[in-house]
Amino acid sequence: MRTDQLAASTRMDDARAEIQRITVRQDEQDRALQEIRGNADRMKEIEKRQAALEERIGKLSGAPAASPATESPREWRSPEEMYEVAVGQVKGGNPKKGRETLSDFAVKYPDHKLTPNALYWKGEAFYAEKDYENAILTFQDVVDKYPRGEKAPDAMYKQGLSFLALKDSKNARILLDLVQKKYPKSKAAEMAKKKLKEIP
């Protein structure tokens, strides 16, 4: 009887320790994401200042400030067409243009069944542009807003790859491990398992 109690107590302790380890990992991931959000905000601030500076220089030199190309917005026959064209742009080597179209899609059709995919491909566009911090944040949107969607495991896997690209193997490992725990039957879980073996 005492042996059984001892074994049960040991199992409880092990379970508590495992829960604690997972919580610590989650906290570490949250901290890393907060840090990246801070960096992204700083980048936006720098870009804003740069634009203001360019405008002032333009005024001083008497030349008109560089105005964005006034392209007439394209008329889409359907949300599906807009989505397909945008994804084609991301895959076809014009990720910036594709990303802009996908952003418009998400704003225009927030409840469309393709919106989770649009957000995912927006993350892929950032990834293709080597803007890994914004890729991580965009993939996090997919995981947060559509945790049960088919793109959630892929988004989490790509977050891991983005952290790897940023030479942050610690957070990459946490995410690749998390893909396998949260989505064990997904293809992303298989890829994450392989990728973990490659990390030194």
N, C-alpha and C. Protein backbone atom coordinates (compact mmCIF):
# COMPACT_ATOMS: atom_id res chain seq x y z
N MET A 1 0.83 -1.21 0.00
CA MET A 1 0.00 0.00 0.00
C MET A 1 0.87 1.26 0.00
N ARG A 2 1.87 1.25 0.91
CA ARG A 2 2.77 2.41 1.00
C ARG A 2 3.56 2.57 -0.29
N THR A 3 3.96 1.42 -0.87
CA THR A 3 4.72 1.46 -2.14
C THR A 3 3.88 2.10 -3.24
N ASP A 4 2.59 1.71 -3.29
CA ASP A 4 1.68 2.29 -4.28
C ASP A 4 1.54 3.79 -4.09
N GLN A 5 1.39 4.19 -2.82
CA GLN A 5 1.27 5.62 -2.52
C GLN A 5 2.53 6.37 -2.95
N LEU A 6 3.68 5.76 -2.68
CA LEU A 6 4.97 6.37 -3.03
C LEU A 6 5.09 6.51 -4.55
N ALA A 7 4.69 5.44 -5.26
CA ALA A 7 4.76 5.46 -6.73
C ALA A 7 3.83 6.54 -7.29
N ALA A 8 2.62 6.61 -6.71
CA ALA A 8 1.65 7.63 -7.16
C ALA A 8 2.17 9.03 -6.88
N SER A 9 2.78 9.19 -5.72
CA SER A 9 3.34 10.49 -5.34
C SER A 9 4.47 10.89 -6.29
N THR A 10 5.32 9.90 -6.63
CA THR A 10 6.44 10.16 -7.57
C THR A 10 5.90 10.57 -8.94
N ARG A 11 4.84 9.85 -9.38
CA ARG A 11 4.24 10.19 -10.68
C ARG A 11 3.68 11.61 -10.68
N MET A 12 3.03 11.96 -9.56
CA MET A 12 2.49 13.33 -9.41
C MET A 12 3.61 14.36 -9.49
N ASP A 13 4.71 14.07 -8.79
CA ASP A 13 5.86 14.99 -8.81
C ASP A 13 6.40 15.15 -10.22
N ASP A 14 6.52 13.99 -10.93
CA ASP A 14 7.02 14.02 -12.32
C ASP A 14 6.10 14.86 -13.20
N ALA A 15 4.77 14.67 -13.02
CA ALA A 15 3.80 15.41 -13.82
C ALA A 15 3.90 16.91 -13.53
N ARG A 16 4.04 17.24 -12.24
CA ARG A 16 4.19 18.66 -11.87
C ARG A 16 5.43 19.27 -12.51
N ALA A 17 6.54 18.50 -12.44
CA ALA A 17 7.81 18.98 -13.01
C ALA A 17 7.67 19.21 -14.51
N GLU A 18 6.96 18.28 -15.20
CA GLU A 18 6.76 18.41 -16.66
C GLU A 18 5.93 19.64 -16.97
N ILE A 19 4.85 19.85 -16.20
CA ILE A 19 3.99 21.03 -16.39
C ILE A 19 4.81 22.30 -16.19
N GLN A 20 5.66 22.28 -15.16
CA GLN A 20 6.50 23.44 -14.86
C GLN A 20 7.45 23.72 -16.03
N ARG A 21 8.05 22.63 -16.59
CA ARG A 21 8.98 22.78 -17.73
C ARG A 21 8.26 23.39 -18.93
N ILE A 22 7.03 22.90 -19.21
CA ILE A 22 6.27 23.42 -20.35
C ILE A 22 5.93 24.89 -20.13
N THR A 23 5.54 25.22 -18.88
CA THR A 23 5.21 26.62 -18.55
C THR A 23 6.41 27.53 -18.76
N VAL A 24 7.58 27.05 -18.31
CA VAL A 24 8.82 27.84 -18.47
C VAL A 24 9.10 28.06 -19.94
N ARG A 25 8.94 26.99 -20.75
CA ARG A 25 9.17 27.12 -22.19
C ARG A 25 8.22 28.12 -22.82
N GLN A 26 6.93 28.04 -22.42
CA GLN A 26 5.93 28.96 -22.94
C GLN A 26 6.29 30.41 -22.58
N ASP A 27 6.75 30.59 -21.32
CA ASP A 27 7.16 31.93 -20.87
C ASP A 27 8.32 32.45 -21.71
N GLU A 28 9.29 31.55 -21.98
CA GLU A 28 10.46 31.95 -22.78
C GLU A 28 10.03 32.36 -24.18
N GLN A 29 9.10 31.57 -24.75
CA GLN A 29 8.61 31.89 -26.10
C GLN A 29 7.89 33.24 -26.10
N ASP A 30 7.04 33.46 -25.06
CA ASP A 30 6.30 34.73 -24.96
C ASP A 30 7.27 35.90 -24.85
N ARG A 31 8.33 35.71 -24.04
CA ARG A 31 9.33 36.79 -23.88
C ARG A 31 10.00 37.10 -25.21
N ALA A 32 10.35 36.03 -25.94
CA ALA A 32 11.01 36.23 -27.24
C ALA A 32 10.09 36.97 -28.21
N LEU A 33 8.80 36.60 -28.20
CA LEU A 33 7.84 37.27 -29.08
C LEU A 33 7.66 38.74 -28.71
N GLN A 34 7.63 39.01 -27.39
CA GLN A 34 7.52 40.40 -26.94
C GLN A 34 8.72 41.22 -27.40
N GLU A 35 9.90 40.58 -27.31
CA GLU A 35 11.13 41.26 -27.73
C GLU A 35 11.06 41.59 -29.22
N ILE A 36 10.57 40.62 -30.01
CA ILE A 36 10.47 40.82 -31.46
C ILE A 36 9.44 41.90 -31.77
N ARG A 37 8.31 41.90 -31.01
CA ARG A 37 7.30 42.95 -31.21
C ARG A 37 7.90 44.32 -30.96
N GLY A 38 8.72 44.40 -29.90
CA GLY A 38 9.40 45.66 -29.56
C GLY A 38 10.30 46.10 -30.69
N ASN A 39 11.07 45.12 -31.25
CA ASN A 39 11.97 45.42 -32.37
C ASN A 39 11.18 45.90 -33.59
N ALA A 40 10.05 45.22 -33.85
CA ALA A 40 9.22 45.60 -35.01
C ALA A 40 8.69 47.02 -34.84
N ASP A 41 8.26 47.35 -33.60
CA ASP A 41 7.78 48.71 -33.33
C ASP A 41 8.88 49.74 -33.56
N ARG A 42 10.09 49.37 -33.09
CA ARG A 42 11.24 50.29 -33.27
C ARG A 42 11.52 50.50 -34.75
N MET A 43 11.44 49.42 -35.53
CA MET A 43 11.68 49.51 -36.98
C MET A 43 10.65 50.45 -37.64
N LYS A 44 9.37 50.31 -37.21
CA LYS A 44 8.32 51.16 -37.77
C LYS A 44 8.60 52.63 -37.45
N GLU A 45 9.05 52.87 -36.21
CA GLU A 45 9.36 54.24 -35.78
C GLU A 45 10.50 54.81 -36.62
N ILE A 46 11.52 53.98 -36.86
CA ILE A 46 12.68 54.41 -37.68
C ILE A 46 12.22 54.73 -39.10
N GLU A 47 11.36 53.83 -39.66
CA GLU A 47 10.85 54.05 -41.02
C GLU A 47 10.05 55.35 -41.11
N LYS A 48 9.24 55.62 -40.06
CA LYS A 48 8.43 56.84 -40.01
C LYS A 48 9.34 58.07 -40.01
N ARG A 49 10.38 58.01 -39.17
CA ARG A 49 11.32 59.14 -39.09
C ARG A 49 12.03 59.35 -40.42
N GLN A 50 12.42 58.22 -41.03
CA GLN A 50 13.13 58.29 -42.32
C GLN A 50 12.26 58.95 -43.38
N ALA A 51 10.97 58.55 -43.41
CA ALA A 51 10.03 59.13 -44.39
C ALA A 51 9.88 60.64 -44.16
N ALA A 52 9.79 61.04 -42.88
CA ALA A 52 9.65 62.47 -42.55
C ALA A 52 10.90 63.24 -42.97
N LEU A 53 12.07 62.61 -42.75
CA LEU A 53 13.34 63.23 -43.12
C LEU A 53 13.45 63.40 -44.63
N GLU A 54 13.06 62.35 -45.37
CA GLU A 54 13.11 62.43 -46.84
C GLU A 54 12.19 63.54 -47.36
N GLU A 55 11.05 63.67 -46.70
CA GLU A 55 10.09 64.72 -47.10
C GLU A 55 10.71 66.11 -46.88
N ARG A 56 11.35 66.28 -45.73
CA ARG A 56 11.99 67.57 -45.43
C ARG A 56 13.12 67.88 -46.40
N ILE A 57 13.90 66.86 -46.71
CA ILE A 57 15.02 67.03 -47.67
C ILE A 57 14.45 67.43 -49.04
N GLY A 58 13.34 66.76 -49.42
CA GLY A 58 12.68 67.07 -50.69
C GLY A 58 12.23 68.52 -50.75
N LYS A 59 11.65 68.99 -49.64
CA LYS A 59 11.17 70.38 -49.58
C LYS A 59 12.34 71.36 -49.66
N LEU A 60 13.42 71.03 -48.93
CA LEU A 60 14.59 71.91 -48.89
C LEU A 60 15.24 72.04 -50.26
N SER A 61 15.29 70.91 -50.99
CA SER A 61 15.96 70.94 -52.30
C SER A 61 15.04 71.48 -53.39
N GLY A 62 13.77 71.73 -53.00
CA GLY A 62 12.82 72.28 -53.98
C GLY A 62 12.22 71.22 -54.87
N ALA A 63 12.68 69.98 -54.67
CA ALA A 63 12.13 68.90 -55.48
C ALA A 63 10.91 68.33 -54.77
N PRO A 64 9.94 67.84 -55.51
CA PRO A 64 8.77 67.26 -54.84
C PRO A 64 9.17 65.98 -54.11
N ALA A 65 8.59 65.79 -52.95
CA ALA A 65 8.90 64.57 -52.17
C ALA A 65 8.43 63.36 -52.96
N ALA A 66 9.20 62.28 -52.85
CA ALA A 66 8.86 61.06 -53.57
C ALA A 66 7.49 60.57 -53.12
N SER A 67 6.55 60.61 -54.04
CA SER A 67 5.20 60.16 -53.67
C SER A 67 5.02 58.73 -54.16
N PRO A 68 4.29 57.92 -53.39
CA PRO A 68 4.11 56.54 -53.81
C PRO A 68 3.39 56.46 -55.15
N ALA A 69 3.74 55.47 -55.94
CA ALA A 69 3.15 55.32 -57.27
C ALA A 69 1.63 55.22 -57.13
N THR A 70 0.96 56.08 -57.85
CA THR A 70 -0.51 56.07 -57.74
C THR A 70 -1.06 55.05 -58.73
N GLU A 71 -1.16 53.82 -58.23
CA GLU A 71 -1.68 52.74 -59.05
C GLU A 71 -3.17 52.62 -58.76
N SER A 72 -3.98 52.55 -59.80
CA SER A 72 -5.41 52.42 -59.52
C SER A 72 -5.64 51.01 -58.97
N PRO A 73 -6.42 50.92 -57.87
CA PRO A 73 -6.62 49.60 -57.27
C PRO A 73 -7.31 48.66 -58.25
N ARG A 74 -6.82 47.43 -58.27
CA ARG A 74 -7.36 46.46 -59.22
C ARG A 74 -8.74 45.99 -58.78
N GLU A 75 -9.59 45.78 -59.74
CA GLU A 75 -10.93 45.26 -59.43
C GLU A 75 -10.86 43.73 -59.49
N TRP A 76 -11.21 43.08 -58.38
CA TRP A 76 -11.16 41.62 -58.33
C TRP A 76 -12.55 41.05 -58.61
N ARG A 77 -12.56 39.97 -59.38
CA ARG A 77 -13.85 39.33 -59.70
C ARG A 77 -14.43 38.62 -58.48
N SER A 78 -13.52 38.11 -57.62
CA SER A 78 -13.97 37.38 -56.43
C SER A 78 -12.86 37.37 -55.39
N PRO A 79 -13.20 37.09 -54.12
CA PRO A 79 -12.15 36.98 -53.09
C PRO A 79 -11.14 35.89 -53.44
N GLU A 80 -11.66 34.80 -54.04
CA GLU A 80 -10.79 33.67 -54.40
C GLU A 80 -9.73 34.09 -55.42
N GLU A 81 -10.17 34.91 -56.40
CA GLU A 81 -9.22 35.39 -57.42
C GLU A 81 -8.13 36.25 -56.76
N MET A 82 -8.56 37.13 -55.85
CA MET A 82 -7.62 38.02 -55.15
C MET A 82 -6.58 37.18 -54.37
N TYR A 83 -7.08 36.16 -53.69
CA TYR A 83 -6.22 35.28 -52.89
C TYR A 83 -5.23 34.53 -53.79
N GLU A 84 -5.76 33.92 -54.86
CA GLU A 84 -4.91 33.12 -55.77
C GLU A 84 -3.80 33.97 -56.39
N VAL A 85 -4.16 35.17 -56.85
CA VAL A 85 -3.16 36.06 -57.47
C VAL A 85 -2.08 36.43 -56.45
N ALA A 86 -2.51 36.76 -55.22
CA ALA A 86 -1.56 37.16 -54.17
C ALA A 86 -0.59 36.04 -53.83
N VAL A 87 -1.12 34.82 -53.66
CA VAL A 87 -0.27 33.67 -53.34
C VAL A 87 0.68 33.41 -54.52
N GLY A 88 0.16 33.56 -55.73
CA GLY A 88 1.01 33.40 -56.92
C GLY A 88 2.16 34.40 -56.92
N GLN A 89 1.88 35.62 -56.47
CA GLN A 89 2.94 36.65 -56.40
C GLN A 89 4.00 36.27 -55.37
N VAL A 90 3.55 35.76 -54.21
CA VAL A 90 4.50 35.36 -53.16
C VAL A 90 5.39 34.23 -53.67
N LYS A 91 4.75 33.23 -54.30
CA LYS A 91 5.51 32.07 -54.81
C LYS A 91 6.35 32.43 -56.02
N GLY A 92 5.85 33.42 -56.79
CA GLY A 92 6.50 33.75 -58.07
C GLY A 92 7.58 34.80 -57.99
N GLY A 93 8.04 35.11 -56.79
CA GLY A 93 9.19 36.02 -56.67
C GLY A 93 8.85 37.48 -56.47
N ASN A 94 7.58 37.78 -56.15
CA ASN A 94 7.23 39.16 -55.83
C ASN A 94 6.52 39.18 -54.47
N PRO A 95 7.26 38.76 -53.39
CA PRO A 95 6.60 38.62 -52.09
C PRO A 95 6.02 39.92 -51.54
N LYS A 96 6.68 41.05 -51.82
CA LYS A 96 6.20 42.33 -51.28
C LYS A 96 4.80 42.65 -51.84
N LYS A 97 4.66 42.52 -53.15
CA LYS A 97 3.38 42.80 -53.80
C LYS A 97 2.31 41.82 -53.31
N GLY A 98 2.70 40.55 -53.22
CA GLY A 98 1.77 39.52 -52.74
C GLY A 98 1.33 39.79 -51.32
N ARG A 99 2.29 40.21 -50.48
CA ARG A 99 2.01 40.50 -49.06
C ARG A 99 1.00 41.64 -48.94
N GLU A 100 1.20 42.67 -49.76
CA GLU A 100 0.27 43.82 -49.72
C GLU A 100 -1.15 43.40 -50.11
N THR A 101 -1.24 42.56 -51.15
CA THR A 101 -2.55 42.08 -51.59
C THR A 101 -3.20 41.20 -50.51
N LEU A 102 -2.39 40.36 -49.87
CA LEU A 102 -2.91 39.49 -48.80
C LEU A 102 -3.38 40.31 -47.60
N SER A 103 -2.66 41.39 -47.29
CA SER A 103 -3.08 42.29 -46.20
C SER A 103 -4.43 42.90 -46.53
N ASP A 104 -4.58 43.35 -47.79
CA ASP A 104 -5.86 43.92 -48.24
C ASP A 104 -6.97 42.88 -48.14
N PHE A 105 -6.63 41.64 -48.52
CA PHE A 105 -7.61 40.55 -48.48
C PHE A 105 -8.11 40.35 -47.05
N ALA A 106 -7.17 40.28 -46.08
CA ALA A 106 -7.52 40.04 -44.68
C ALA A 106 -8.40 41.16 -44.12
N VAL A 107 -8.14 42.40 -44.57
CA VAL A 107 -8.94 43.55 -44.11
C VAL A 107 -10.33 43.51 -44.75
N LYS A 108 -10.35 43.20 -46.04
CA LYS A 108 -11.60 43.23 -46.81
C LYS A 108 -12.52 42.05 -46.48
N TYR A 109 -11.90 40.88 -46.23
CA TYR A 109 -12.68 39.67 -45.97
C TYR A 109 -12.25 38.99 -44.66
N PRO A 110 -12.48 39.65 -43.51
CA PRO A 110 -11.99 39.09 -42.24
C PRO A 110 -12.60 37.74 -41.87
N ASP A 111 -13.82 37.45 -42.38
CA ASP A 111 -14.50 36.20 -42.00
C ASP A 111 -14.48 35.16 -43.11
N HIS A 112 -13.73 35.41 -44.16
CA HIS A 112 -13.70 34.46 -45.28
C HIS A 112 -12.93 33.20 -44.88
N LYS A 113 -13.34 32.07 -45.45
CA LYS A 113 -12.67 30.79 -45.09
C LYS A 113 -11.20 30.78 -45.50
N LEU A 114 -10.81 31.64 -46.44
CA LEU A 114 -9.41 31.68 -46.89
C LEU A 114 -8.54 32.65 -46.07
N THR A 115 -9.16 33.37 -45.13
CA THR A 115 -8.40 34.37 -44.37
C THR A 115 -7.24 33.76 -43.57
N PRO A 116 -7.44 32.60 -42.89
CA PRO A 116 -6.29 31.99 -42.19
C PRO A 116 -5.13 31.69 -43.15
N ASN A 117 -5.47 31.20 -44.35
CA ASN A 117 -4.44 30.91 -45.36
C ASN A 117 -3.77 32.19 -45.85
N ALA A 118 -4.59 33.25 -45.99
CA ALA A 118 -4.04 34.54 -46.44
C ALA A 118 -3.02 35.05 -45.43
N LEU A 119 -3.34 34.93 -44.13
CA LEU A 119 -2.41 35.36 -43.08
C LEU A 119 -1.14 34.51 -43.12
N TYR A 120 -1.33 33.20 -43.33
CA TYR A 120 -0.17 32.31 -43.38
C TYR A 120 0.76 32.72 -44.53
N TRP A 121 0.18 32.97 -45.70
CA TRP A 121 1.00 33.33 -46.86
C TRP A 121 1.63 34.72 -46.72
N LYS A 122 0.98 35.56 -45.92
CA LYS A 122 1.59 36.86 -45.61
C LYS A 122 2.87 36.61 -44.80
N GLY A 123 2.80 35.67 -43.86
CA GLY A 123 4.00 35.28 -43.10
C GLY A 123 5.07 34.71 -44.01
N GLU A 124 4.64 33.89 -44.98
CA GLU A 124 5.59 33.31 -45.95
C GLU A 124 6.27 34.42 -46.77
N ALA A 125 5.50 35.46 -47.08
CA ALA A 125 6.06 36.58 -47.85
C ALA A 125 7.16 37.27 -47.04
N PHE A 126 6.88 37.55 -45.75
CA PHE A 126 7.91 38.15 -44.89
C PHE A 126 9.14 37.23 -44.83
N TYR A 127 8.88 35.93 -44.73
CA TYR A 127 9.98 34.95 -44.65
C TYR A 127 10.82 35.01 -45.92
N ALA A 128 10.14 35.08 -47.08
CA ALA A 128 10.84 35.16 -48.36
C ALA A 128 11.67 36.44 -48.47
N GLU A 129 11.17 37.52 -47.82
CA GLU A 129 11.90 38.79 -47.83
C GLU A 129 13.00 38.84 -46.77
N LYS A 130 13.16 37.72 -46.05
CA LYS A 130 14.14 37.62 -44.95
C LYS A 130 13.83 38.57 -43.79
N ASP A 131 12.56 38.97 -43.70
CA ASP A 131 12.11 39.79 -42.57
C ASP A 131 11.54 38.81 -41.54
N TYR A 132 12.46 38.10 -40.86
CA TYR A 132 12.07 36.98 -40.01
C TYR A 132 11.27 37.41 -38.78
N GLU A 133 11.54 38.60 -38.26
CA GLU A 133 10.81 39.06 -37.07
C GLU A 133 9.33 39.26 -37.38
N ASN A 134 9.04 39.93 -38.51
CA ASN A 134 7.64 40.11 -38.89
C ASN A 134 7.00 38.79 -39.32
N ALA A 135 7.81 37.89 -39.87
CA ALA A 135 7.29 36.56 -40.22
C ALA A 135 6.81 35.85 -38.95
N ILE A 136 7.63 35.88 -37.89
CA ILE A 136 7.27 35.23 -36.62
C ILE A 136 5.97 35.81 -36.08
N LEU A 137 5.84 37.13 -36.11
CA LEU A 137 4.64 37.79 -35.59
C LEU A 137 3.40 37.43 -36.41
N THR A 138 3.56 37.38 -37.74
CA THR A 138 2.42 37.06 -38.61
C THR A 138 2.01 35.60 -38.43
N PHE A 139 3.00 34.69 -38.34
CA PHE A 139 2.67 33.29 -38.10
C PHE A 139 2.00 33.12 -36.73
N GLN A 140 2.39 33.95 -35.75
CA GLN A 140 1.77 33.90 -34.43
C GLN A 140 0.29 34.28 -34.51
N ASP A 141 -0.02 35.23 -35.41
CA ASP A 141 -1.43 35.61 -35.64
C ASP A 141 -2.25 34.40 -36.07
N VAL A 142 -1.67 33.59 -36.97
CA VAL A 142 -2.36 32.40 -37.47
C VAL A 142 -2.63 31.44 -36.31
N VAL A 143 -1.59 31.21 -35.49
CA VAL A 143 -1.69 30.27 -34.36
C VAL A 143 -2.69 30.79 -33.32
N ASP A 144 -2.65 32.10 -33.03
CA ASP A 144 -3.54 32.68 -32.02
C ASP A 144 -5.00 32.71 -32.47
N LYS A 145 -5.21 33.17 -33.72
CA LYS A 145 -6.59 33.36 -34.19
C LYS A 145 -7.25 32.08 -34.70
N TYR A 146 -6.43 31.18 -35.26
CA TYR A 146 -7.00 29.96 -35.85
C TYR A 146 -6.23 28.72 -35.37
N PRO A 147 -6.21 28.47 -34.04
CA PRO A 147 -5.41 27.36 -33.50
C PRO A 147 -5.82 25.99 -34.03
N ARG A 148 -7.08 25.88 -34.45
CA ARG A 148 -7.57 24.58 -34.96
C ARG A 148 -7.56 24.52 -36.49
N GLY A 149 -7.13 25.61 -37.11
CA GLY A 149 -7.10 25.65 -38.57
C GLY A 149 -5.97 24.79 -39.13
N GLU A 150 -6.10 24.44 -40.41
CA GLU A 150 -5.10 23.56 -41.02
C GLU A 150 -3.73 24.22 -41.18
N LYS A 151 -3.70 25.55 -41.15
CA LYS A 151 -2.42 26.25 -41.32
C LYS A 151 -1.67 26.48 -40.01
N ALA A 152 -2.32 26.25 -38.87
CA ALA A 152 -1.69 26.51 -37.56
C ALA A 152 -0.39 25.70 -37.37
N PRO A 153 -0.39 24.37 -37.64
CA PRO A 153 0.86 23.62 -37.46
C PRO A 153 1.99 24.14 -38.37
N ASP A 154 1.63 24.45 -39.64
CA ASP A 154 2.63 24.96 -40.59
C ASP A 154 3.19 26.30 -40.12
N ALA A 155 2.28 27.14 -39.58
CA ALA A 155 2.71 28.47 -39.11
C ALA A 155 3.69 28.32 -37.94
N MET A 156 3.39 27.40 -37.02
CA MET A 156 4.26 27.19 -35.87
C MET A 156 5.63 26.64 -36.32
N TYR A 157 5.58 25.74 -37.30
CA TYR A 157 6.83 25.17 -37.84
C TYR A 157 7.68 26.28 -38.48
N LYS A 158 7.02 27.15 -39.27
CA LYS A 158 7.75 28.24 -39.93
C LYS A 158 8.28 29.25 -38.91
N GLN A 159 7.59 29.39 -37.77
CA GLN A 159 8.12 30.24 -36.70
C GLN A 159 9.46 29.68 -36.22
N GLY A 160 9.49 28.35 -36.06
CA GLY A 160 10.73 27.69 -35.65
C GLY A 160 11.85 27.96 -36.64
N LEU A 161 11.54 27.86 -37.93
CA LEU A 161 12.55 28.10 -38.98
C LEU A 161 13.00 29.57 -38.97
N SER A 162 12.05 30.47 -38.68
CA SER A 162 12.38 31.90 -38.62
C SER A 162 13.35 32.18 -37.47
N PHE A 163 13.09 31.56 -36.32
CA PHE A 163 14.00 31.72 -35.19
C PHE A 163 15.39 31.16 -35.53
N LEU A 164 15.39 30.03 -36.26
CA LEU A 164 16.68 29.45 -36.70
C LEU A 164 17.43 30.42 -37.59
N ALA A 165 16.69 31.05 -38.51
CA ALA A 165 17.31 32.03 -39.43
C ALA A 165 17.88 33.22 -38.65
N LEU A 166 17.27 33.52 -37.48
CA LEU A 166 17.76 34.61 -36.63
C LEU A 166 18.86 34.13 -35.68
N LYS A 167 19.33 32.88 -35.91
CA LYS A 167 20.39 32.27 -35.08
C LYS A 167 19.94 32.10 -33.61
N ASP A 168 18.63 31.94 -33.42
CA ASP A 168 18.10 31.73 -32.07
C ASP A 168 17.63 30.28 -31.98
N SER A 169 18.60 29.37 -31.81
CA SER A 169 18.26 27.94 -31.84
C SER A 169 17.47 27.52 -30.61
N LYS A 170 17.60 28.27 -29.51
CA LYS A 170 16.87 27.93 -28.28
C LYS A 170 15.35 28.03 -28.52
N ASN A 171 14.90 29.18 -29.03
CA ASN A 171 13.47 29.36 -29.31
C ASN A 171 13.01 28.51 -30.49
N ALA A 172 13.92 28.28 -31.44
CA ALA A 172 13.58 27.40 -32.57
C ALA A 172 13.24 26.01 -32.05
N ARG A 173 14.08 25.50 -31.13
CA ARG A 173 13.83 24.17 -30.54
C ARG A 173 12.49 24.13 -29.81
N ILE A 174 12.21 25.19 -29.00
CA ILE A 174 10.95 25.23 -28.23
C ILE A 174 9.76 25.10 -29.18
N LEU A 175 9.79 25.87 -30.28
CA LEU A 175 8.66 25.86 -31.21
C LEU A 175 8.55 24.55 -31.98
N LEU A 176 9.67 24.03 -32.44
CA LEU A 176 9.64 22.78 -33.19
C LEU A 176 9.16 21.63 -32.31
N ASP A 177 9.51 21.70 -31.04
CA ASP A 177 9.06 20.71 -30.05
C ASP A 177 7.55 20.87 -29.81
N LEU A 178 7.11 22.13 -29.75
CA LEU A 178 5.71 22.45 -29.49
C LEU A 178 4.80 21.98 -30.64
N VAL A 179 5.29 22.07 -31.87
CA VAL A 179 4.51 21.61 -33.04
C VAL A 179 4.16 20.14 -32.85
N GLN A 180 5.16 19.35 -32.44
CA GLN A 180 4.95 17.91 -32.27
C GLN A 180 3.97 17.60 -31.13
N LYS A 181 4.04 18.43 -30.07
CA LYS A 181 3.15 18.19 -28.92
C LYS A 181 1.71 18.62 -29.23
N LYS A 182 1.55 19.80 -29.88
CA LYS A 182 0.21 20.33 -30.13
C LYS A 182 -0.47 19.70 -31.34
N TYR A 183 0.34 19.38 -32.37
CA TYR A 183 -0.22 18.85 -33.62
C TYR A 183 0.52 17.58 -34.03
N PRO A 184 0.47 16.53 -33.18
CA PRO A 184 1.30 15.34 -33.42
C PRO A 184 1.04 14.63 -34.74
N LYS A 185 -0.18 14.74 -35.28
CA LYS A 185 -0.51 14.00 -36.51
C LYS A 185 -0.29 14.82 -37.78
N SER A 186 0.18 16.05 -37.62
CA SER A 186 0.35 16.92 -38.80
C SER A 186 1.66 16.62 -39.52
N LYS A 187 1.69 17.03 -40.79
CA LYS A 187 2.91 16.88 -41.59
C LYS A 187 4.00 17.79 -41.01
N ALA A 188 3.57 18.95 -40.48
CA ALA A 188 4.52 19.90 -39.88
C ALA A 188 5.26 19.26 -38.70
N ALA A 189 4.55 18.39 -37.95
CA ALA A 189 5.18 17.71 -36.81
C ALA A 189 6.30 16.79 -37.28
N GLU A 190 6.07 16.10 -38.40
CA GLU A 190 7.11 15.23 -38.99
C GLU A 190 8.34 16.06 -39.39
N MET A 191 8.06 17.18 -40.08
CA MET A 191 9.16 18.04 -40.55
C MET A 191 9.92 18.63 -39.35
N ALA A 192 9.16 18.99 -38.30
CA ALA A 192 9.78 19.56 -37.10
C ALA A 192 10.71 18.54 -36.44
N LYS A 193 10.27 17.29 -36.43
CA LYS A 193 11.08 16.21 -35.83
C LYS A 193 12.40 16.08 -36.57
N LYS A 194 12.33 16.10 -37.91
CA LYS A 194 13.55 16.01 -38.73
C LYS A 194 14.45 17.22 -38.49
N LYS A 195 13.83 18.41 -38.49
CA LYS A 195 14.60 19.65 -38.36
C LYS A 195 15.31 19.70 -37.00
N LEU A 196 14.65 19.22 -35.94
CA LEU A 196 15.26 19.21 -34.60
C LEU A 196 16.56 18.41 -34.59
N LYS A 197 16.57 17.32 -35.37
CA LYS A 197 17.79 16.48 -35.41
C LYS A 197 18.94 17.20 -36.08
N GLU A 198 18.61 18.18 -36.95
CA GLU A 198 19.67 18.91 -37.68
C GLU A 198 20.27 20.05 -36.86
N ILE A 199 19.54 20.48 -35.80
CA ILE A 199 20.05 21.60 -35.00
C ILE A 199 21.16 21.11 -34.08
N PRO A 200 22.36 21.72 -34.18
CA PRO A 200 23.48 21.24 -33.36
C PRO A 200 23.25 21.52 -31.87
